[in-house]
Amino acid sequence: MILGKTFSNGSKTLFTQSEIEQRVNELALQITIDYREANLLVVGILKGAFMFFADLIRKINLDLTVDFIAAQSYIKDASSGQVKLLYDPLNDLIGKDVLIVDDIIDTGLTMNKTIELVKKKSPRSLKICALLDKSERRTADVTIDYIGFKIPNRFIVGYGLDYEGRYRNLPDIKVLEDSSKKEDNV
């Protein structure tokens, strides 16, 4: 237990490091096949996607370029309902095939705002890759082209995902619960 937070007892590890690695390899192979004739720009959404993004692009067997967007919509363990773009370096996207990579899509608000921003810059194509899909919480319509894993409505950490900036360094993805509550942390 760390500061009132504990990892879930029954399913403490949702996905192991080796399960994540295997799925990243599968996604990278599919992306390599799908984009073999493309002018690929892979855009990572910071901070949560940094581990997934780095592992994924190293496995994509193509000439590609990378960029990043920083967006924030969470305060502690809840979505604020507001999306704030903190960093938008995307300049010339005209004629580029853009693949946005995110760690998790739950409400879809952050991804919708990101899609809106990218579309204004006239890419040739735009697709979405997310390590985790928490569709139970979706409030905005988002099409995910490449999905690592579908997950239940639980608060998770590890492999880049955090709680107040902590736990990003865990190699596995784990369920985080508030030890002072009896019900699941959703």
Protein backbone atom coordinates (compact mmCIF):
# COMPACT_ATOMS: atom_id res chain seq x y z
CA MET A 1 0.00 0.00 0.00
CA ILE A 2 1.27 3.46 -0.95
CA LEU A 3 -0.45 6.56 0.47
CA GLY A 4 -3.89 4.94 0.78
CA LYS A 5 -3.68 3.31 -2.64
CA THR A 6 -3.28 -0.41 -3.11
CA PHE A 7 -3.23 -2.75 -6.05
CA SER A 8 -6.39 -4.80 -6.52
CA ASN A 9 -6.30 -8.21 -4.86
CA GLY A 10 -8.22 -10.45 -7.29
CA SER A 11 -6.81 -9.17 -10.57
CA LYS A 12 -3.85 -7.15 -9.40
CA THR A 13 -2.04 -7.39 -12.75
CA LEU A 14 -4.35 -6.78 -15.69
CA PHE A 15 -1.63 -7.28 -18.34
CA THR A 16 1.91 -8.52 -17.81
CA GLN A 17 4.98 -7.06 -19.45
CA SER A 18 5.20 -10.05 -21.81
CA GLU A 19 1.51 -9.81 -22.78
CA ILE A 20 1.98 -6.11 -23.54
CA GLU A 21 5.13 -6.79 -25.57
CA GLN A 22 3.38 -9.49 -27.61
CA ARG A 23 0.42 -7.22 -28.38
CA VAL A 24 2.68 -4.28 -29.30
CA ASN A 25 4.52 -6.55 -31.75
CA GLU A 26 1.19 -7.60 -33.32
CA LEU A 27 0.03 -4.00 -33.66
CA ALA A 28 3.37 -2.90 -35.15
CA LEU A 29 3.23 -5.69 -37.73
CA GLN A 30 -0.29 -4.70 -38.80
CA ILE A 31 0.67 -1.01 -38.99
CA THR A 32 3.76 -1.91 -41.05
CA ILE A 33 1.56 -3.81 -43.51
CA ASP A 34 -1.14 -1.12 -43.67
CA TYR A 35 1.28 1.80 -44.14
CA ARG A 36 3.88 0.18 -46.42
CA GLU A 37 3.20 2.76 -49.18
CA ALA A 38 2.52 5.75 -46.92
CA ASN A 39 4.21 8.94 -45.82
CA LEU A 40 3.75 8.01 -42.15
CA LEU A 41 3.84 10.50 -39.29
CA VAL A 42 3.24 8.88 -35.89
CA VAL A 43 2.00 11.29 -33.23
CA GLY A 44 2.20 10.32 -29.57
CA ILE A 45 -0.06 11.84 -26.95
CA LEU A 46 1.97 12.75 -23.88
CA LYS A 47 2.52 11.85 -21.15
CA GLY A 48 0.73 8.53 -20.75
CA ALA A 49 1.51 7.06 -24.17
CA PHE A 50 5.28 7.56 -24.03
CA MET A 51 6.20 3.93 -23.19
CA PHE A 52 3.71 2.39 -25.60
CA PHE A 53 4.67 4.91 -28.29
CA ALA A 54 8.40 4.22 -27.97
CA ASP A 55 7.95 0.44 -28.02
CA LEU A 56 5.51 0.61 -30.93
CA ILE A 57 7.56 2.82 -33.27
CA ARG A 58 10.69 0.74 -32.69
CA LYS A 59 8.77 -2.28 -34.00
CA ILE A 60 7.22 -0.58 -37.03
CA ASN A 61 9.43 -1.58 -39.95
CA LEU A 62 8.98 1.59 -42.05
CA ASP A 63 10.58 4.94 -42.67
CA LEU A 64 8.50 7.26 -40.51
CA THR A 65 8.60 10.54 -38.66
CA VAL A 66 7.38 11.27 -35.14
CA ASP A 67 5.81 14.15 -33.29
CA PHE A 68 3.94 14.69 -30.03
CA ILE A 69 0.92 16.40 -28.57
CA ALA A 70 0.42 16.97 -24.85
CA ALA A 71 -3.17 16.99 -23.63
CA GLN A 72 -4.69 16.92 -20.17
CA SER A 73 -8.21 16.00 -19.11
CA TYR A 74 -7.74 14.17 -15.79
CA ILE A 75 -7.52 15.58 -12.28
CA LYS A 76 -6.31 12.85 -9.90
CA ASP A 77 -8.36 9.79 -10.96
CA ALA A 78 -11.36 11.43 -12.68
CA SER A 79 -11.92 13.05 -16.04
CA SER A 80 -12.52 16.77 -15.68
CA GLY A 81 -14.66 16.81 -18.83
CA GLN A 82 -12.39 19.57 -20.16
CA VAL A 83 -9.50 18.94 -22.55
CA LYS A 84 -6.51 21.24 -22.36
CA LEU A 85 -3.83 21.07 -25.05
CA LEU A 86 -0.50 21.80 -23.43
CA TYR A 87 1.80 21.23 -26.41
CA ASP A 88 0.96 21.27 -30.12
CA PRO A 89 4.07 21.22 -32.33
CA LEU A 90 2.26 19.82 -35.37
CA ASN A 91 3.02 22.01 -38.34
CA ASP A 92 2.97 20.71 -41.89
CA LEU A 93 0.61 17.73 -42.07
CA ILE A 94 -0.56 18.31 -45.64
CA GLY A 95 -0.26 15.05 -47.55
CA LYS A 96 0.93 13.06 -44.52
CA ASP A 97 -0.60 9.82 -43.29
CA VAL A 98 -1.04 10.49 -39.58
CA LEU A 99 -1.32 7.79 -36.95
CA ILE A 100 -2.19 9.13 -33.49
CA VAL A 101 -0.98 6.88 -30.66
CA ASP A 102 -2.55 7.10 -27.20
CA ASP A 103 -2.30 5.00 -24.06
CA ILE A 104 -6.02 4.79 -23.25
CA ILE A 105 -9.27 6.00 -24.72
CA ASP A 106 -12.08 6.15 -22.22
CA THR A 107 -14.48 9.12 -22.51
CA GLY A 108 -13.04 9.95 -25.94
CA LEU A 109 -12.97 13.70 -25.22
CA THR A 110 -9.18 14.05 -25.45
CA MET A 111 -9.03 12.03 -28.65
CA ASN A 112 -11.87 14.01 -30.26
CA LYS A 113 -10.08 17.28 -29.49
CA THR A 114 -6.84 15.85 -30.92
CA ILE A 115 -8.59 14.61 -34.07
CA GLU A 116 -10.16 18.04 -34.54
CA LEU A 117 -6.75 19.71 -34.23
CA VAL A 118 -5.06 17.31 -36.67
CA LYS A 119 -7.85 17.47 -39.28
CA LYS A 120 -7.47 21.27 -39.44
CA LYS A 121 -3.93 20.68 -40.74
CA SER A 122 -5.11 18.69 -43.81
CA PRO A 123 -3.43 15.29 -43.50
CA ARG A 124 -3.90 12.80 -46.32
CA SER A 125 -5.22 10.22 -43.85
CA LEU A 126 -5.77 9.92 -40.12
CA LYS A 127 -6.03 6.78 -37.98
CA ILE A 128 -6.00 6.09 -34.25
CA CYS A 129 -4.01 3.51 -32.28
CA ALA A 130 -4.71 3.00 -28.57
CA LEU A 131 -3.14 0.52 -26.23
CA LEU A 132 -6.29 0.39 -24.09
CA ASP A 133 -9.95 0.82 -24.95
CA LYS A 134 -12.27 1.52 -21.99
CA SER A 135 -15.43 1.79 -24.08
CA GLU A 136 -17.82 1.61 -21.07
CA ARG A 137 -16.91 5.23 -20.29
CA ARG A 138 -17.18 6.56 -23.85
CA THR A 139 -19.15 9.81 -24.10
CA ALA A 140 -17.75 10.94 -27.45
CA ASP A 141 -17.83 8.94 -30.68
CA VAL A 142 -14.30 7.76 -31.49
CA THR A 143 -13.24 5.11 -34.00
CA ILE A 144 -10.10 3.28 -32.91
CA ASP A 145 -8.34 1.64 -35.85
CA TYR A 146 -5.77 -0.31 -33.82
CA ILE A 147 -6.62 -1.52 -30.31
CA GLY A 148 -4.20 -3.23 -27.96
CA PHE A 149 -6.64 -4.42 -25.30
CA LYS A 150 -10.25 -3.78 -24.27
CA ILE A 151 -10.48 -3.19 -20.53
CA PRO A 152 -13.19 -2.93 -17.88
CA ASN A 153 -14.12 0.33 -16.20
CA ARG A 154 -11.35 0.23 -13.57
CA PHE A 155 -8.62 2.75 -12.74
CA ILE A 156 -5.33 1.36 -13.99
CA VAL A 157 -1.67 2.32 -13.75
CA GLY A 158 1.67 1.19 -15.13
CA TYR A 159 3.36 1.11 -18.52
CA GLY A 160 3.07 4.88 -18.77
CA LEU A 161 -0.31 5.28 -17.09
CA ASP A 162 -0.28 7.16 -13.82
CA TYR A 163 -2.06 8.26 -10.71
CA GLU A 164 -0.93 11.80 -9.82
CA GLY A 165 2.30 11.27 -11.77
CA ARG A 166 3.22 8.01 -10.03
CA TYR A 167 3.35 4.37 -11.21
CA ARG A 168 4.25 5.21 -14.84
CA ASN A 169 7.42 3.13 -14.49
CA LEU A 170 5.67 -0.15 -13.67
CA PRO A 171 6.32 -2.69 -16.45
CA ASP A 172 2.85 -4.28 -16.06
CA ILE A 173 -0.60 -2.70 -16.18
CA LYS A 174 -2.30 -2.97 -12.80
CA VAL A 175 -5.66 -2.07 -11.26
CA LEU A 176 -5.37 0.65 -8.62
CA GLU A 177 -7.93 0.87 -5.85
CA ASP A 178 -8.48 3.28 -2.99
CA SER A 179 -7.95 1.19 0.16
CA SER A 180 -10.34 3.38 2.12
CA LYS A 181 -13.26 2.37 -0.16
CA LYS A 182 -15.03 -0.96 -0.40
CA GLU A 183 -16.23 -0.54 -4.01
CA ASP A 184 -14.08 -0.59 -7.14
CA ASN A 185 -12.30 2.59 -8.12
CA VAL A 186 -13.89 3.53 -11.42
